[in-house]
Amino acid sequence: MSGELLEGLVFRDAHKKDDDFLVEPVDYRKYNFRFLLNAMIEHNIYHLGQVAYVNKML
């Protein structure tokens, strides 16, 4: 499953759920949804920083 597809599935329904789902384990992984969402947000921020850096160089 691609990262974009997974991200879409996780974020699409996250606002409909209680915070209780954050402690549920992610299927076939050794971490929970809180860790997954946090990592996805940090990853996107990292790439936004790269884009801003390259943009400034142009």
N, C-alpha and C. Protein backbone atom coordinates (compact mmCIF):
# COMPACT_ATOMS: atom_id res chain seq x y z
N MET A 1 0.86 -1.18 0.00
CA MET A 1 0.00 0.00 0.00
C MET A 1 0.90 1.23 0.00
N SER A 2 0.61 2.16 -0.88
CA SER A 2 1.44 3.36 -0.97
C SER A 2 1.20 4.27 0.22
N GLY A 3 2.19 5.13 0.50
CA GLY A 3 2.09 6.06 1.61
C GLY A 3 0.93 7.02 1.46
N GLU A 4 0.71 7.51 0.24
CA GLU A 4 -0.38 8.46 0.01
C GLU A 4 -1.73 7.81 0.24
N LEU A 5 -1.88 6.56 -0.19
CA LEU A 5 -3.14 5.85 0.01
C LEU A 5 -3.38 5.64 1.50
N LEU A 6 -2.36 5.20 2.22
CA LEU A 6 -2.49 4.99 3.66
C LEU A 6 -2.83 6.30 4.36
N GLU A 7 -2.13 7.37 3.99
CA GLU A 7 -2.38 8.68 4.60
C GLU A 7 -3.83 9.11 4.36
N GLY A 8 -4.31 8.91 3.15
CA GLY A 8 -5.69 9.28 2.84
C GLY A 8 -6.69 8.49 3.67
N LEU A 9 -6.43 7.21 3.84
CA LEU A 9 -7.35 6.37 4.61
C LEU A 9 -7.35 6.75 6.08
N VAL A 10 -6.19 7.06 6.62
CA VAL A 10 -6.10 7.40 8.04
C VAL A 10 -6.73 8.75 8.32
N PHE A 11 -6.38 9.77 7.54
CA PHE A 11 -6.87 11.12 7.81
C PHE A 11 -8.33 11.32 7.40
N ARG A 12 -8.80 10.55 6.42
CA ARG A 12 -10.16 10.74 5.93
C ARG A 12 -11.19 10.52 7.04
N ASP A 13 -10.99 9.50 7.85
CA ASP A 13 -11.98 9.15 8.87
C ASP A 13 -11.56 9.52 10.29
N ALA A 14 -10.40 10.11 10.46
CA ALA A 14 -9.91 10.41 11.80
C ALA A 14 -10.82 11.37 12.55
N HIS A 15 -11.40 12.32 11.88
CA HIS A 15 -12.25 13.30 12.57
C HIS A 15 -13.57 12.70 13.04
N LYS A 16 -13.94 11.53 12.53
CA LYS A 16 -15.19 10.89 12.90
C LYS A 16 -15.04 10.01 14.15
N LYS A 17 -13.81 9.78 14.58
CA LYS A 17 -13.56 8.84 15.67
C LYS A 17 -13.25 9.56 16.98
N ASP A 18 -13.47 8.84 18.08
CA ASP A 18 -13.04 9.33 19.38
C ASP A 18 -11.52 9.19 19.48
N ASP A 19 -10.95 9.84 20.46
CA ASP A 19 -9.51 9.72 20.66
C ASP A 19 -9.08 8.32 21.07
N ASP A 20 -10.03 7.49 21.46
CA ASP A 20 -9.71 6.13 21.89
C ASP A 20 -9.02 5.31 20.80
N PHE A 21 -9.30 5.62 19.53
CA PHE A 21 -8.70 4.84 18.45
C PHE A 21 -7.19 5.06 18.35
N LEU A 22 -6.68 6.14 18.95
CA LEU A 22 -5.26 6.44 18.84
C LEU A 22 -4.38 5.40 19.54
N VAL A 23 -4.92 4.70 20.51
CA VAL A 23 -4.12 3.68 21.21
C VAL A 23 -4.28 2.30 20.59
N GLU A 24 -5.15 2.17 19.59
CA GLU A 24 -5.32 0.88 18.91
C GLU A 24 -4.10 0.60 18.04
N PRO A 25 -3.68 -0.65 17.99
CA PRO A 25 -2.54 -0.99 17.14
C PRO A 25 -2.91 -0.90 15.65
N VAL A 26 -1.95 -0.48 14.86
CA VAL A 26 -2.12 -0.45 13.40
C VAL A 26 -1.98 -1.88 12.90
N ASP A 27 -2.84 -2.28 11.97
CA ASP A 27 -2.79 -3.64 11.43
C ASP A 27 -1.40 -3.98 10.90
N TYR A 28 -0.90 -5.14 11.27
CA TYR A 28 0.36 -5.68 10.80
C TYR A 28 1.57 -4.83 11.19
N ARG A 29 1.45 -3.99 12.21
CA ARG A 29 2.55 -3.14 12.68
C ARG A 29 2.67 -3.27 14.19
N LYS A 30 3.80 -2.80 14.71
CA LYS A 30 4.03 -2.88 16.16
C LYS A 30 3.85 -1.52 16.83
N TYR A 31 3.07 -0.65 16.22
CA TYR A 31 2.82 0.67 16.81
C TYR A 31 1.35 1.02 16.68
N ASN A 32 0.94 2.08 17.40
CA ASN A 32 -0.47 2.47 17.41
C ASN A 32 -0.72 3.65 16.47
N PHE A 33 -1.98 4.05 16.37
CA PHE A 33 -2.35 5.13 15.45
C PHE A 33 -1.80 6.48 15.89
N ARG A 34 -1.60 6.70 17.19
CA ARG A 34 -1.01 7.96 17.65
C ARG A 34 0.39 8.11 17.07
N PHE A 35 1.18 7.05 17.16
CA PHE A 35 2.54 7.07 16.61
C PHE A 35 2.51 7.28 15.10
N LEU A 36 1.60 6.58 14.41
CA LEU A 36 1.50 6.69 12.96
C LEU A 36 1.14 8.11 12.53
N LEU A 37 0.12 8.70 13.14
CA LEU A 37 -0.29 10.05 12.77
C LEU A 37 0.82 11.06 13.06
N ASN A 38 1.47 10.91 14.20
CA ASN A 38 2.56 11.81 14.55
C ASN A 38 3.69 11.70 13.52
N ALA A 39 4.06 10.50 13.14
CA ALA A 39 5.13 10.29 12.16
C ALA A 39 4.74 10.85 10.79
N MET A 40 3.48 10.70 10.39
CA MET A 40 3.04 11.22 9.10
C MET A 40 3.09 12.74 9.08
N ILE A 41 2.69 13.37 10.17
CA ILE A 41 2.73 14.84 10.26
C ILE A 41 4.18 15.32 10.22
N GLU A 42 5.05 14.69 11.00
CA GLU A 42 6.46 15.08 11.00
C GLU A 42 7.09 14.89 9.62
N HIS A 43 6.75 13.82 8.95
CA HIS A 43 7.28 13.54 7.62
C HIS A 43 6.86 14.63 6.63
N ASN A 44 5.60 15.04 6.69
CA ASN A 44 5.12 16.09 5.80
C ASN A 44 5.79 17.43 6.10
N ILE A 45 6.00 17.73 7.37
CA ILE A 45 6.69 18.97 7.75
C ILE A 45 8.12 18.96 7.22
N TYR A 46 8.78 17.81 7.31
CA TYR A 46 10.15 17.68 6.80
C TYR A 46 10.19 18.01 5.31
N HIS A 47 9.25 17.44 4.55
CA HIS A 47 9.24 17.69 3.11
C HIS A 47 8.86 19.13 2.79
N LEU A 48 7.99 19.74 3.57
CA LEU A 48 7.68 21.16 3.36
C LEU A 48 8.92 22.02 3.56
N GLY A 49 9.74 21.67 4.53
CA GLY A 49 11.00 22.37 4.76
C GLY A 49 11.95 22.22 3.58
N GLN A 50 12.00 21.03 3.00
CA GLN A 50 12.83 20.81 1.82
C GLN A 50 12.34 21.66 0.65
N VAL A 51 11.06 21.71 0.44
CA VAL A 51 10.49 22.51 -0.64
C VAL A 51 10.80 23.99 -0.43
N ALA A 52 10.65 24.47 0.79
CA ALA A 52 10.93 25.87 1.09
C ALA A 52 12.42 26.19 0.85
N TYR A 53 13.29 25.27 1.22
CA TYR A 53 14.73 25.46 1.03
C TYR A 53 15.07 25.53 -0.46
N VAL A 54 14.57 24.61 -1.24
CA VAL A 54 14.83 24.60 -2.68
C VAL A 54 14.22 25.84 -3.33
N ASN A 55 13.05 26.22 -2.90
CA ASN A 55 12.39 27.40 -3.44
C ASN A 55 13.22 28.66 -3.18
N LYS A 56 13.82 28.73 -2.00
CA LYS A 56 14.64 29.89 -1.65
C LYS A 56 15.92 29.93 -2.50
N MET A 57 16.42 28.76 -2.89
CA MET A 57 17.62 28.70 -3.69
C MET A 57 17.38 29.13 -5.14
N LEU A 58 16.15 29.06 -5.60
CA LEU A 58 15.86 29.39 -7.00
C LEU A 58 15.81 30.86 -7.26
